């Protein structure tokens, strides 16, 4: 395990907070979209926000693919650059052990 200076550790934590914030900013509109689609399906409405679901679907597939790519590139340890996994608020990197928060 690599030891880091106090300044490096503080920088890693600051970078992790920024990465986490980006993930949350990405997730909020996607979750809202999924809830809207679910409500339209439950109520048998053919539209979401007044736009036909067939119009939204292709665009949303592109947005979801983009979100997955962004998450894979963004959600990495600021110290070792390894993927942080599915947890939204990990305390430590499972690969290098650096403290993230």
C-alpha atoms as a PDB file:
ATOM      1  CA  UNK A   1       0.000   0.000   0.000  1.00  0.00           C
ATOM      2  CA  UNK A   2       1.332   3.425  -0.959  1.00  0.00           C
ATOM      3  CA  UNK A   3       1.494   6.145   1.660  1.00  0.00           C
ATOM      4  CA  UNK A   4       0.468   9.635   0.663  1.00  0.00           C
ATOM      5  CA  UNK A   5       1.211  13.018   2.189  1.00  0.00           C
ATOM      6  CA  UNK A   6      -1.517  14.841   4.083  1.00  0.00           C
ATOM      7  CA  UNK A   7      -1.826  17.303   1.166  1.00  0.00           C
ATOM      8  CA  UNK A   8      -2.255  14.459  -1.323  1.00  0.00           C
ATOM      9  CA  UNK A   9      -4.911  12.834   0.858  1.00  0.00           C
ATOM     10  CA  UNK A  10      -6.795  16.128   1.104  1.00  0.00           C
ATOM     11  CA  UNK A  11      -6.587  16.524  -2.681  1.00  0.00           C
ATOM     12  CA  UNK A  12      -7.899  12.967  -3.208  1.00  0.00           C
ATOM     13  CA  UNK A  13     -10.854  13.696  -0.935  1.00  0.00           C
ATOM     14  CA  UNK A  14     -11.619  16.956  -2.763  1.00  0.00           C
ATOM     15  CA  UNK A  15     -11.447  15.218  -6.143  1.00  0.00           C
ATOM     16  CA  UNK A  16     -13.668  12.401  -4.855  1.00  0.00           C
ATOM     17  CA  UNK A  17     -16.287  14.929  -3.665  1.00  0.00           C
ATOM     18  CA  UNK A  18     -16.308  16.460  -7.160  1.00  0.00           C
ATOM     19  CA  UNK A  19     -16.645  13.044  -8.822  1.00  0.00           C
ATOM     20  CA  UNK A  20     -19.474  12.090  -6.451  1.00  0.00           C
ATOM     21  CA  UNK A  21     -21.268  15.379  -7.135  1.00  0.00           C
ATOM     22  CA  UNK A  22     -21.042  14.739 -10.883  1.00  0.00           C
ATOM     23  CA  UNK A  23     -22.508  11.251 -10.420  1.00  0.00           C
ATOM     24  CA  UNK A  24     -25.431  12.642  -8.432  1.00  0.00           C
ATOM     25  CA  UNK A  25     -26.047  15.417 -10.983  1.00  0.00           C
ATOM     26  CA  UNK A  26     -26.149  12.743 -13.664  1.00  0.00           C
ATOM     27  CA  UNK A  27     -28.446  10.424 -11.711  1.00  0.00           C
ATOM     28  CA  UNK A  28     -31.164  12.911 -10.706  1.00  0.00           C
ATOM     29  CA  UNK A  29     -32.549  13.653 -14.193  1.00  0.00           C
ATOM     30  CA  UNK A  30     -32.233  10.003 -15.227  1.00  0.00           C
ATOM     31  CA  UNK A  31     -34.217   8.845 -12.197  1.00  0.00           C
ATOM     32  CA  UNK A  32     -36.840  11.546 -12.841  1.00  0.00           C
ATOM     33  CA  UNK A  33     -37.113  10.338 -16.439  1.00  0.00           C
ATOM     34  CA  UNK A  34     -37.540   6.707 -15.372  1.00  0.00           C
ATOM     35  CA  UNK A  35     -40.237   7.683 -12.856  1.00  0.00           C
ATOM     36  CA  UNK A  36     -42.068   9.668 -15.551  1.00  0.00           C
ATOM     37  CA  UNK A  37     -41.936   6.704 -17.939  1.00  0.00           C
ATOM     38  CA  UNK A  38     -43.119   4.352 -15.197  1.00  0.00           C
ATOM     39  CA  UNK A  39     -46.046   6.645 -14.353  1.00  0.00           C
ATOM     40  CA  UNK A  40     -47.003   6.896 -18.033  1.00  0.00           C
ATOM     41  CA  UNK A  41     -46.954   3.104 -18.345  1.00  0.00           C
ATOM     42  CA  UNK A  42     -48.983   2.549 -15.166  1.00  0.00           C
ATOM     43  CA  UNK A  43     -51.602   5.078 -16.263  1.00  0.00           C
ATOM     44  CA  UNK A  44     -51.636   3.714 -19.844  1.00  0.00           C
ATOM     45  CA  UNK A  45     -50.661   7.073 -21.296  1.00  0.00           C
ATOM     46  CA  UNK A  46     -48.800   6.941 -24.616  1.00  0.00           C
ATOM     47  CA  UNK A  47     -46.778  10.070 -23.796  1.00  0.00           C
ATOM     48  CA  UNK A  48     -44.320  11.501 -21.288  1.00  0.00           C
ATOM     49  CA  UNK A  49     -44.493  15.253 -20.685  1.00  0.00           C
ATOM     50  CA  UNK A  50     -46.793  15.501 -23.700  1.00  0.00           C
ATOM     51  CA  UNK A  51     -44.332  13.844 -26.111  1.00  0.00           C
ATOM     52  CA  UNK A  52     -45.028  10.399 -27.522  1.00  0.00           C
ATOM     53  CA  UNK A  53     -42.915   7.655 -25.933  1.00  0.00           C
ATOM     54  CA  UNK A  54     -41.749   6.466 -29.364  1.00  0.00           C
ATOM     55  CA  UNK A  55     -40.147   9.872 -29.896  1.00  0.00           C
ATOM     56  CA  UNK A  56     -38.387   9.826 -26.508  1.00  0.00           C
ATOM     57  CA  UNK A  57     -37.164   6.241 -26.588  1.00  0.00           C
ATOM     58  CA  UNK A  58     -34.361   6.447 -29.190  1.00  0.00           C
ATOM     59  CA  UNK A  59     -32.991   9.642 -27.686  1.00  0.00           C
ATOM     60  CA  UNK A  60     -33.103   8.230 -24.183  1.00  0.00           C
ATOM     61  CA  UNK A  61     -31.188   5.137 -25.288  1.00  0.00           C
ATOM     62  CA  UNK A  62     -28.417   7.441 -26.489  1.00  0.00           C
ATOM     63  CA  UNK A  63     -28.554   9.438 -23.237  1.00  0.00           C
ATOM     64  CA  UNK A  64     -28.396   6.261 -21.142  1.00  0.00           C
ATOM     65  CA  UNK A  65     -25.451   4.946 -23.144  1.00  0.00           C
ATOM     66  CA  UNK A  66     -23.695   8.287 -22.718  1.00  0.00           C
ATOM     67  CA  UNK A  67     -24.429   8.254 -18.978  1.00  0.00           C
ATOM     68  CA  UNK A  68     -22.941   4.769 -18.640  1.00  0.00           C
ATOM     69  CA  UNK A  69     -19.791   5.795 -20.500  1.00  0.00           C
ATOM     70  CA  UNK A  70     -19.503   8.984 -18.420  1.00  0.00           C
ATOM     71  CA  UNK A  71     -19.948   7.033 -15.185  1.00  0.00           C
ATOM     72  CA  UNK A  72     -17.324   4.492 -16.157  1.00  0.00           C
ATOM     73  CA  UNK A  73     -14.825   7.275 -16.903  1.00  0.00           C
ATOM     74  CA  UNK A  74     -15.764   9.534 -13.969  1.00  0.00           C
ATOM     75  CA  UNK A  75     -16.289   7.035 -11.148  1.00  0.00           C
ATOM     76  CA  UNK A  76     -12.618   6.239 -10.567  1.00  0.00           C
ATOM     77  CA  UNK A  77     -10.336   6.493  -7.587  1.00  0.00           C
ATOM     78  CA  UNK A  78      -8.508   9.825  -7.585  1.00  0.00           C
ATOM     79  CA  UNK A  79      -5.333   8.083  -6.381  1.00  0.00           C
ATOM     80  CA  UNK A  80      -5.048   4.891  -8.460  1.00  0.00           C
ATOM     81  CA  UNK A  81      -7.652   5.513 -11.207  1.00  0.00           C
ATOM     82  CA  UNK A  82      -9.431   2.191 -10.600  1.00  0.00           C
ATOM     83  CA  UNK A  83     -13.212   1.909 -10.996  1.00  0.00           C
ATOM     84  CA  UNK A  84     -14.922   2.541  -7.631  1.00  0.00           C
ATOM     85  CA  UNK A  85     -17.767   0.073  -8.154  1.00  0.00           C
ATOM     86  CA  UNK A  86     -21.497   0.515  -7.601  1.00  0.00           C
ATOM     87  CA  UNK A  87     -21.446   2.107  -4.164  1.00  0.00           C
ATOM     88  CA  UNK A  88     -22.275   5.838  -4.294  1.00  0.00           C
ATOM     89  CA  UNK A  89     -20.355   6.811  -1.170  1.00  0.00           C
ATOM     90  CA  UNK A  90     -17.402   4.467  -0.558  1.00  0.00           C
ATOM     91  CA  UNK A  91     -15.200   5.304   2.390  1.00  0.00           C
ATOM     92  CA  UNK A  92     -12.043   3.802   0.889  1.00  0.00           C
ATOM     93  CA  UNK A  93     -10.848   2.635  -2.518  1.00  0.00           C
ATOM     94  CA  UNK A  94     -10.969  -1.162  -2.554  1.00  0.00           C
ATOM     95  CA  UNK A  95      -7.845  -1.323  -4.723  1.00  0.00           C
ATOM     96  CA  UNK A  96      -5.338   1.092  -3.161  1.00  0.00           C
ATOM     97  CA  UNK A  97      -6.994   1.742   0.214  1.00  0.00           C
ATOM     98  CA  UNK A  98      -6.901   5.542  -0.023  1.00  0.00           C
ATOM     99  CA  UNK A  99      -9.486   7.277   2.168  1.00  0.00           C
ATOM    100  CA  UNK A 100     -12.105   8.974  -0.012  1.00  0.00           C
ATOM    101  CA  UNK A 101     -14.180  10.854   2.572  1.00  0.00           C
END
